[in-house]
Structure formats: structure tokens, C-alpha cells
Protein backbone atom coordinates (compact mmCIF):
# COMPACT_ATOMS: atom_id res chain seq x y z
CA MET A 1 89.21 148.28 159.58
CA LYS A 2 91.31 150.71 161.63
CA ARG A 3 90.21 148.93 164.79
CA TYR A 4 91.50 145.61 163.44
CA ARG A 5 94.74 147.21 162.31
CA SER A 6 95.42 148.31 165.87
CA LEU A 7 95.45 144.65 166.89
CA SER A 8 98.62 144.17 164.84
CA THR A 9 100.51 146.78 166.89
CA PRO A 10 102.03 144.25 169.35
CA TYR A 11 103.32 142.15 166.48
CA LEU A 12 104.78 145.18 164.71
CA LEU A 13 106.57 146.22 167.90
CA TRP A 14 107.87 142.66 168.34
CA ALA A 15 109.14 142.59 164.75
CA LEU A 16 110.77 146.00 165.17
CA VAL A 17 112.60 145.11 168.40
CA PHE A 18 113.55 141.50 167.73
CA VAL A 19 113.88 141.42 163.91
CA LEU A 20 114.63 144.80 162.38
CA VAL A 21 116.92 146.09 165.15
CA PRO A 22 119.13 142.95 165.18
CA LEU A 23 119.29 142.99 161.38
CA GLY A 24 120.30 146.63 161.46
CA MET A 25 123.06 145.82 163.95
CA ILE A 26 124.31 142.98 161.73
CA PHE A 27 124.48 145.30 158.72
CA TYR A 28 126.18 148.00 160.77
CA TYR A 29 128.90 145.74 162.17
CA GLY A 30 129.40 143.95 158.84
CA LEU A 31 130.04 147.19 156.96
CA THR A 32 132.25 148.89 159.55
CA SER A 33 135.64 148.31 161.12
CA ALA A 34 136.42 148.03 164.84
CA GLU A 35 136.87 151.83 164.84
CA GLY A 36 133.40 152.34 163.33
CA GLN A 37 134.64 153.37 159.87
CA LEU A 38 132.84 152.21 156.73
CA THR A 39 134.79 149.37 155.08
CA LEU A 40 134.49 146.22 153.00
CA ASP A 41 137.56 144.55 154.53
CA ASN A 42 135.38 142.03 156.36
CA PHE A 43 134.01 140.70 153.07
CA GLU A 44 137.46 140.64 151.48
CA LYS A 45 138.70 138.62 154.43
CA PHE A 46 135.89 136.13 153.93
CA PHE A 47 136.59 135.53 150.23
CA ALA A 48 140.38 135.55 150.70
CA GLY A 49 140.42 132.99 153.54
CA HIS A 50 139.16 129.47 154.14
CA ALA A 51 135.63 130.59 154.99
CA THR A 52 134.48 130.00 151.41
CA GLU A 53 135.55 126.36 151.72
CA THR A 54 133.52 126.11 154.93
CA LEU A 55 130.51 127.61 153.14
CA LEU A 56 130.80 125.11 150.29
CA LYS A 57 131.14 122.29 152.83
CA SER A 58 128.01 123.55 154.56
CA VAL A 59 126.14 123.58 151.24
CA ARG A 60 127.25 120.01 150.51
CA ILE A 61 126.19 118.63 153.89
CA ALA A 62 122.91 120.57 153.78
CA PHE A 63 122.25 119.21 150.29
CA LEU A 64 122.92 115.62 151.38
CA SER A 65 120.67 116.05 154.42
CA THR A 66 117.91 117.52 152.25
CA LEU A 67 118.25 114.68 149.75
CA VAL A 68 118.00 112.03 152.48
CA CYS A 69 115.00 113.83 153.97
CA PHE A 70 113.31 113.80 150.57
CA LEU A 71 114.05 110.12 149.93
CA LEU A 72 112.63 109.22 153.35
CA GLY A 73 109.92 111.84 153.57
CA TYR A 74 108.19 111.43 150.23
CA PRO A 75 107.30 107.73 150.69
CA MET A 76 106.08 108.48 154.21
CA ALA A 77 103.96 111.42 153.02
CA TYR A 78 102.60 109.31 150.15
CA PHE A 79 101.68 106.48 152.53
CA MET A 80 99.97 108.95 154.87
CA ALA A 81 97.98 110.50 152.03
CA LYS A 82 96.92 107.06 150.76
CA SER A 83 96.00 105.73 154.22
CA SER A 84 92.44 105.53 155.53
CA PRO A 85 90.89 108.60 157.19
CA ARG A 86 90.97 106.78 160.55
CA LEU A 87 94.68 105.92 160.37
CA ARG A 88 95.80 109.27 158.94
CA PRO A 89 95.54 111.33 162.17
CA LEU A 90 97.59 108.71 164.02
CA LEU A 91 100.34 108.77 161.40
CA LEU A 92 100.32 112.56 161.40
CA MET A 93 100.63 112.55 165.19
CA LEU A 94 103.63 110.19 165.02
CA VAL A 95 105.38 112.67 162.73
CA VAL A 96 104.56 115.71 164.86
CA ILE A 97 105.10 114.31 168.39
CA PRO A 98 108.96 114.31 168.21
CA MET A 99 108.81 118.04 167.45
CA TRP A 100 107.20 118.64 170.84
CA MET A 101 110.47 117.70 172.52
CA ASN A 102 113.21 120.27 172.91
CA PHE A 103 115.53 120.52 169.90
CA LEU A 104 118.70 120.10 171.99
CA LEU A 105 117.30 117.10 173.86
CA ARG A 106 116.52 115.35 170.59
CA THR A 107 120.06 115.98 169.43
CA TYR A 108 121.58 114.84 172.72
CA ALA A 109 119.72 111.55 172.29
CA TRP A 110 121.83 110.83 169.21
CA ILE A 111 124.99 111.11 171.32
CA THR A 112 123.66 108.22 173.41
CA ILE A 113 122.91 106.25 170.26
CA LEU A 114 126.13 106.90 168.31
CA SER A 115 128.79 107.04 171.04
CA ARG A 116 131.46 104.37 171.37
CA LYS A 117 129.52 102.66 174.16
CA GLY A 118 126.13 103.75 172.92
CA ILE A 119 123.05 101.79 171.99
CA LEU A 120 124.08 101.12 168.39
CA ASN A 121 127.60 99.90 169.18
CA THR A 122 126.30 97.80 172.07
CA PHE A 123 123.95 96.10 169.63
CA LEU A 124 126.76 95.54 167.10
CA THR A 125 129.00 94.09 169.82
CA SER A 126 126.25 91.68 170.85
CA LEU A 127 126.22 90.39 167.27
CA GLY A 128 129.99 89.80 167.39
CA LEU A 129 130.81 92.84 165.22
CA GLN A 130 133.38 95.53 165.87
CA PRO A 131 132.09 98.84 167.28
CA MET A 132 132.07 101.77 164.88
CA ASP A 133 133.28 105.34 165.37
CA LEU A 134 130.16 107.20 164.26
CA LEU A 135 130.10 110.13 166.66
CA TYR A 136 131.91 113.34 165.69
CA THR A 137 131.74 112.55 161.97
CA GLU A 138 129.88 113.98 158.99
CA THR A 139 127.63 110.92 159.09
CA ALA A 140 126.54 111.79 162.64
CA VAL A 141 125.87 115.40 161.63
CA ILE A 142 123.77 114.32 158.63
CA LEU A 143 121.84 111.83 160.78
CA GLY A 144 121.12 114.57 163.31
CA MET A 145 119.93 116.96 160.61
CA VAL A 146 117.74 114.33 158.98
CA TYR A 147 116.15 113.38 162.30
CA ASN A 148 115.44 116.98 163.32
CA PHE A 149 114.32 118.32 159.93
CA LEU A 150 112.51 115.29 158.45
CA PRO A 151 109.03 116.43 159.63
CA PHE A 152 109.52 119.69 157.72
CA MET A 153 109.84 117.64 154.54
CA ILE A 154 106.98 115.25 155.25
CA LEU A 155 104.28 117.75 156.19
CA PRO A 156 104.34 120.01 153.07
CA ILE A 157 104.44 117.01 150.73
CA PHE A 158 101.63 115.34 152.67
CA THR A 159 99.54 118.51 152.38
CA SER A 160 100.01 118.60 148.59
CA LEU A 161 99.17 114.92 148.20
CA GLU A 162 96.15 115.11 150.49
CA LYS A 163 94.62 118.01 148.53
CA MET A 164 95.17 116.25 145.21
CA ASP A 165 92.10 115.60 143.07
CA HIS A 166 91.58 111.84 143.24
CA SER A 167 89.58 111.89 140.03
CA LEU A 168 92.86 112.33 138.15
CA TRP A 169 94.11 109.00 139.50
CA GLU A 170 90.85 107.38 138.46
CA ALA A 171 91.13 108.95 135.00
CA ALA A 172 94.68 107.64 134.62
CA ALA A 173 93.54 104.14 135.60
CA ASP A 174 90.63 104.31 133.15
CA LEU A 175 93.06 105.27 130.39
CA GLY A 176 95.18 102.17 131.08
CA ALA A 177 98.07 103.69 133.03
CA ASN A 178 99.67 101.42 135.61
CA LYS A 179 100.66 102.59 139.10
CA THR A 180 104.17 103.63 138.05
CA GLN A 181 102.92 105.65 135.08
CA THR A 182 100.24 107.28 137.21
CA PHE A 183 102.79 108.26 139.83
CA LEU A 184 105.33 109.68 137.36
CA ASN A 185 102.80 111.55 135.20
CA VAL A 186 100.13 112.57 137.70
CA THR A 187 101.13 112.29 141.36
CA LEU A 188 104.73 113.51 141.21
CA PRO A 189 104.08 116.63 139.06
CA LEU A 190 101.12 117.65 141.23
CA SER A 191 103.15 117.28 144.42
CA LEU A 192 105.94 119.61 143.23
CA PRO A 193 104.69 122.58 145.31
CA GLY A 194 104.98 120.48 148.46
CA ILE A 195 108.40 119.22 147.41
CA ALA A 196 109.63 122.78 146.81
CA SER A 197 108.33 123.90 150.22
CA GLY A 198 109.89 120.88 151.92
CA ILE A 199 113.27 121.46 150.31
CA SER A 200 113.27 125.11 151.38
CA MET A 201 112.20 124.26 154.94
CA VAL A 202 114.97 121.67 155.29
CA PHE A 203 117.86 123.16 153.30
CA ILE A 204 117.75 126.65 154.82
CA PRO A 205 117.98 125.63 158.51
CA ALA A 206 120.40 122.81 157.66
CA ILE A 207 122.96 125.13 156.11
CA ALA A 208 122.79 127.63 159.00
CA THR A 209 122.55 125.31 162.00
CA PHE A 210 125.33 125.14 164.56
CA GLU A 211 123.81 123.19 167.47
CA ILE A 212 123.77 119.85 165.64
CA THR A 213 127.33 120.17 164.39
CA SER A 214 128.57 121.28 167.82
CA LEU A 215 127.01 118.29 169.59
CA LEU A 216 127.40 115.54 166.98
CA GLY A 217 130.43 116.86 165.08
CA GLY A 218 132.48 118.06 168.03
CA ASN A 219 135.48 120.13 167.00
CA LYS A 220 136.06 118.00 163.90
CA ILE A 221 133.10 119.23 161.85
CA ASN A 222 132.68 122.99 161.52
CA LEU A 223 130.08 124.50 159.24
CA ILE A 224 129.44 128.14 158.43
CA GLY A 225 126.98 128.45 161.34
CA ASN A 226 129.65 127.28 163.78
CA VAL A 227 132.20 129.76 162.40
CA ILE A 228 129.72 132.65 162.76
CA GLN A 229 128.88 131.60 166.30
CA GLN A 230 132.56 131.42 167.23
CA GLN A 231 133.18 134.93 165.89
CA PHE A 232 130.53 136.31 168.25
CA THR A 233 131.03 134.15 171.36
CA VAL A 234 134.71 133.12 171.30
CA THR A 235 136.80 135.41 169.09
CA GLY A 236 134.76 138.51 169.75
CA ASN A 237 135.15 139.74 166.17
CA TRP A 238 131.59 140.95 165.62
CA GLN A 239 132.50 142.76 162.40
CA TYR A 240 133.75 139.62 160.65
CA GLY A 241 130.95 137.50 162.09
CA SER A 242 128.35 140.00 160.88
CA ALA A 243 129.88 140.04 157.41
CA MET A 244 129.68 136.24 157.23
CA ALA A 245 126.09 136.38 158.46
CA MET A 246 125.23 138.87 155.71
CA ILE A 247 126.78 136.63 153.06
CA LEU A 248 124.87 133.65 154.43
CA MET A 249 121.63 135.67 154.46
CA VAL A 250 122.09 136.59 150.80
CA PHE A 251 122.74 132.94 149.95
CA LEU A 252 119.66 131.81 151.85
CA ILE A 253 117.44 134.48 150.30
CA VAL A 254 118.52 133.41 146.81
CA SER A 255 117.79 129.77 147.70
CA LEU A 256 114.40 130.74 149.13
CA LEU A 257 113.44 132.79 146.08
CA PHE A 258 114.50 129.94 143.80
CA GLY A 259 112.33 127.51 145.77
CA ARG A 260 109.39 129.92 145.73
CA GLU A 261 109.73 130.36 141.98
CA LYS A 262 109.64 126.59 141.45
CA GLU A 263 106.66 126.30 143.79
CA THR A 264 104.74 129.08 142.04
CA HIS A 265 105.48 127.59 138.64
CA ALA A 266 104.26 124.19 139.80
CA GLN A 267 101.09 125.67 141.28
CA GLY A 268 100.40 127.61 138.12
CA SER A 269 100.60 124.45 136.01
CA MET A 270 98.57 122.32 138.44
CA PRO A 271 95.29 121.06 136.97
CA THR A 272 92.22 121.29 139.18
CA ALA A 273 88.66 120.06 139.07
CA GLN A 274 87.58 123.61 138.14
CA ASP A 275 89.89 123.56 135.13
CA PRO A 276 88.43 120.99 132.71
CA ALA A 277 90.83 121.85 129.89
CA ALA A 278 93.86 121.24 132.08
CA GLU A 279 92.33 118.01 133.36
CA VAL A 280 91.75 116.77 129.82
CA GLU A 281 95.35 117.68 128.96
CA MET A 282 96.60 115.67 131.90
CA GLU A 283 94.47 112.70 130.85
CA GLU A 284 95.88 112.93 127.32
CA GLU A 285 99.44 112.85 128.70
CA VAL A 286 98.67 109.71 130.64
CA ALA A 287 97.05 108.15 127.61
CA ASP A 288 100.16 108.79 125.52
CA VAL A 289 102.40 106.83 127.94
């Protein structure tokens, strides 16, 4: 066992240098002034200024992006799980392949699509319609987030649906439930762990991203990630930027714990083939519909 533990030494060193040390620096700068004295002025400045409005705006845009990802991702994951074993790897590959391309390149592609003389406006002009100002708007930012983070919603939901016990669907059909009743009372509740994972994997990076808003929002759309970046790279106020990063980390940790709690609760209530009592209970619920 000790021999195998030694194999983890490179990872522990990596985590120490590139995770714990940067976090320690963030906490140090966030809790000190420019003179190195312990202070909470950086946090007071955050709550007294307009940064709270920026945080709420970031939450709103991240929520909308997560909602759109769910509305698009769940049907896709459901179709993939229901598809034949031969077609399923191809569909999975189509979801994963865009992630092989660089994140910034994928985002730059949307500039070509949404610009005034881009592909979309050229198509609208060919139909005799007026071109639209889509770039450097909240709509462009949400589209960029949905495009980049959609696979992170599809894959966890697909995994939950794929592992689902198909005998429960057959039991629901035998008890007279139609497709809608089966979905609402069997499929949807059993896929809640995947939904919770997908929401966490989309919402957390969406609220903290700054590349997408910088490229597709320009200087008109600033989220909390952009403000933190500007404090470090433009203003040079590392203390205030670190304080905002700490507040964002606390917010993200609370969101992550909430999602984990929902996921654990859903997994704990999930009936399995090894749990006949729970399976009978599920069949009785379907029969009551």
C-alpha cells in the first residue's frame, strides 16, 4: 500500500504548487491592504459599490444559459439513450468532437456568425430582411455560453438515462401508463442525479467565465469574471480582485454543495433492480396515475 501511495506524490506536489499556493495568495491579498495590514476594507468596498449588481447580473445570465442548456440538452440526451447501440457511439462522438477544438477558437467562430457582416446577417439579407445587431449583446454572450457548455449538460444526463433500469419502463407500460406518464413518473425522477450534475457543471463555469463575455460582449457586457480579471491585469488592485474572487468562491461552493445535496438525495431515492420494494413502489405510483 505504501508503494502505491508514493505514486500519488507527483499529483500532491502539483496540487500544492498550482492549487494551494495560489489559493493562499488569494486569501492573503483579499484580507490585507496594499501595506500588508489585515483589513476587511476590500469586502466593504465590494458590498458598498456596484460590484454586487454585477454579481447579480452574472447570476442571471448564468441561470439563463443553464436553463437553455437544460432545455436543449435533456431531449438530446434522451434521444441518445433511446437510440440503437450502433447509432449511440456516433451521437456521443458528435457531442464530444467540438470539445476537442480550442475554447477560444470556438468562441471566435461566433464572432464570424453574429457580426454585422457575418454568416447569419448575410443569410437574412439574402432573404430580404434587415441585418440584426447581435454581437456585443447579452444574447451573444448567452449563445456563446450555451454552445461551449452544452456538452457538460448532455453527458451527465445521458449517463443517468443510459444506466436506467429498462424494466421500469416496461412495468409502467404494463400498468397502462402512456409515454407522457412514464416520462414524468419514471424517467424524469430517475434522471435527477444527471440533471443536478449537469446544472453544476454548466452554472459554475458560466458565472465565472470572462473569455466569452470579453469576445462576444465587448465592453458592453461585463460580468463578475471580467471585473476580477480587470482588477488583476488592468487596474493592478490585487487586494480588491482577490476579495471579489473569495466572494465568488464562496458563492460557487454554496451552489456546488446545493447541487451535490440534490444529487445525493435523488440517488438515495432511486429504485434499482436490487431493490424490489422500491421497484414495486414505483410501479404503484405509475398505476395510480
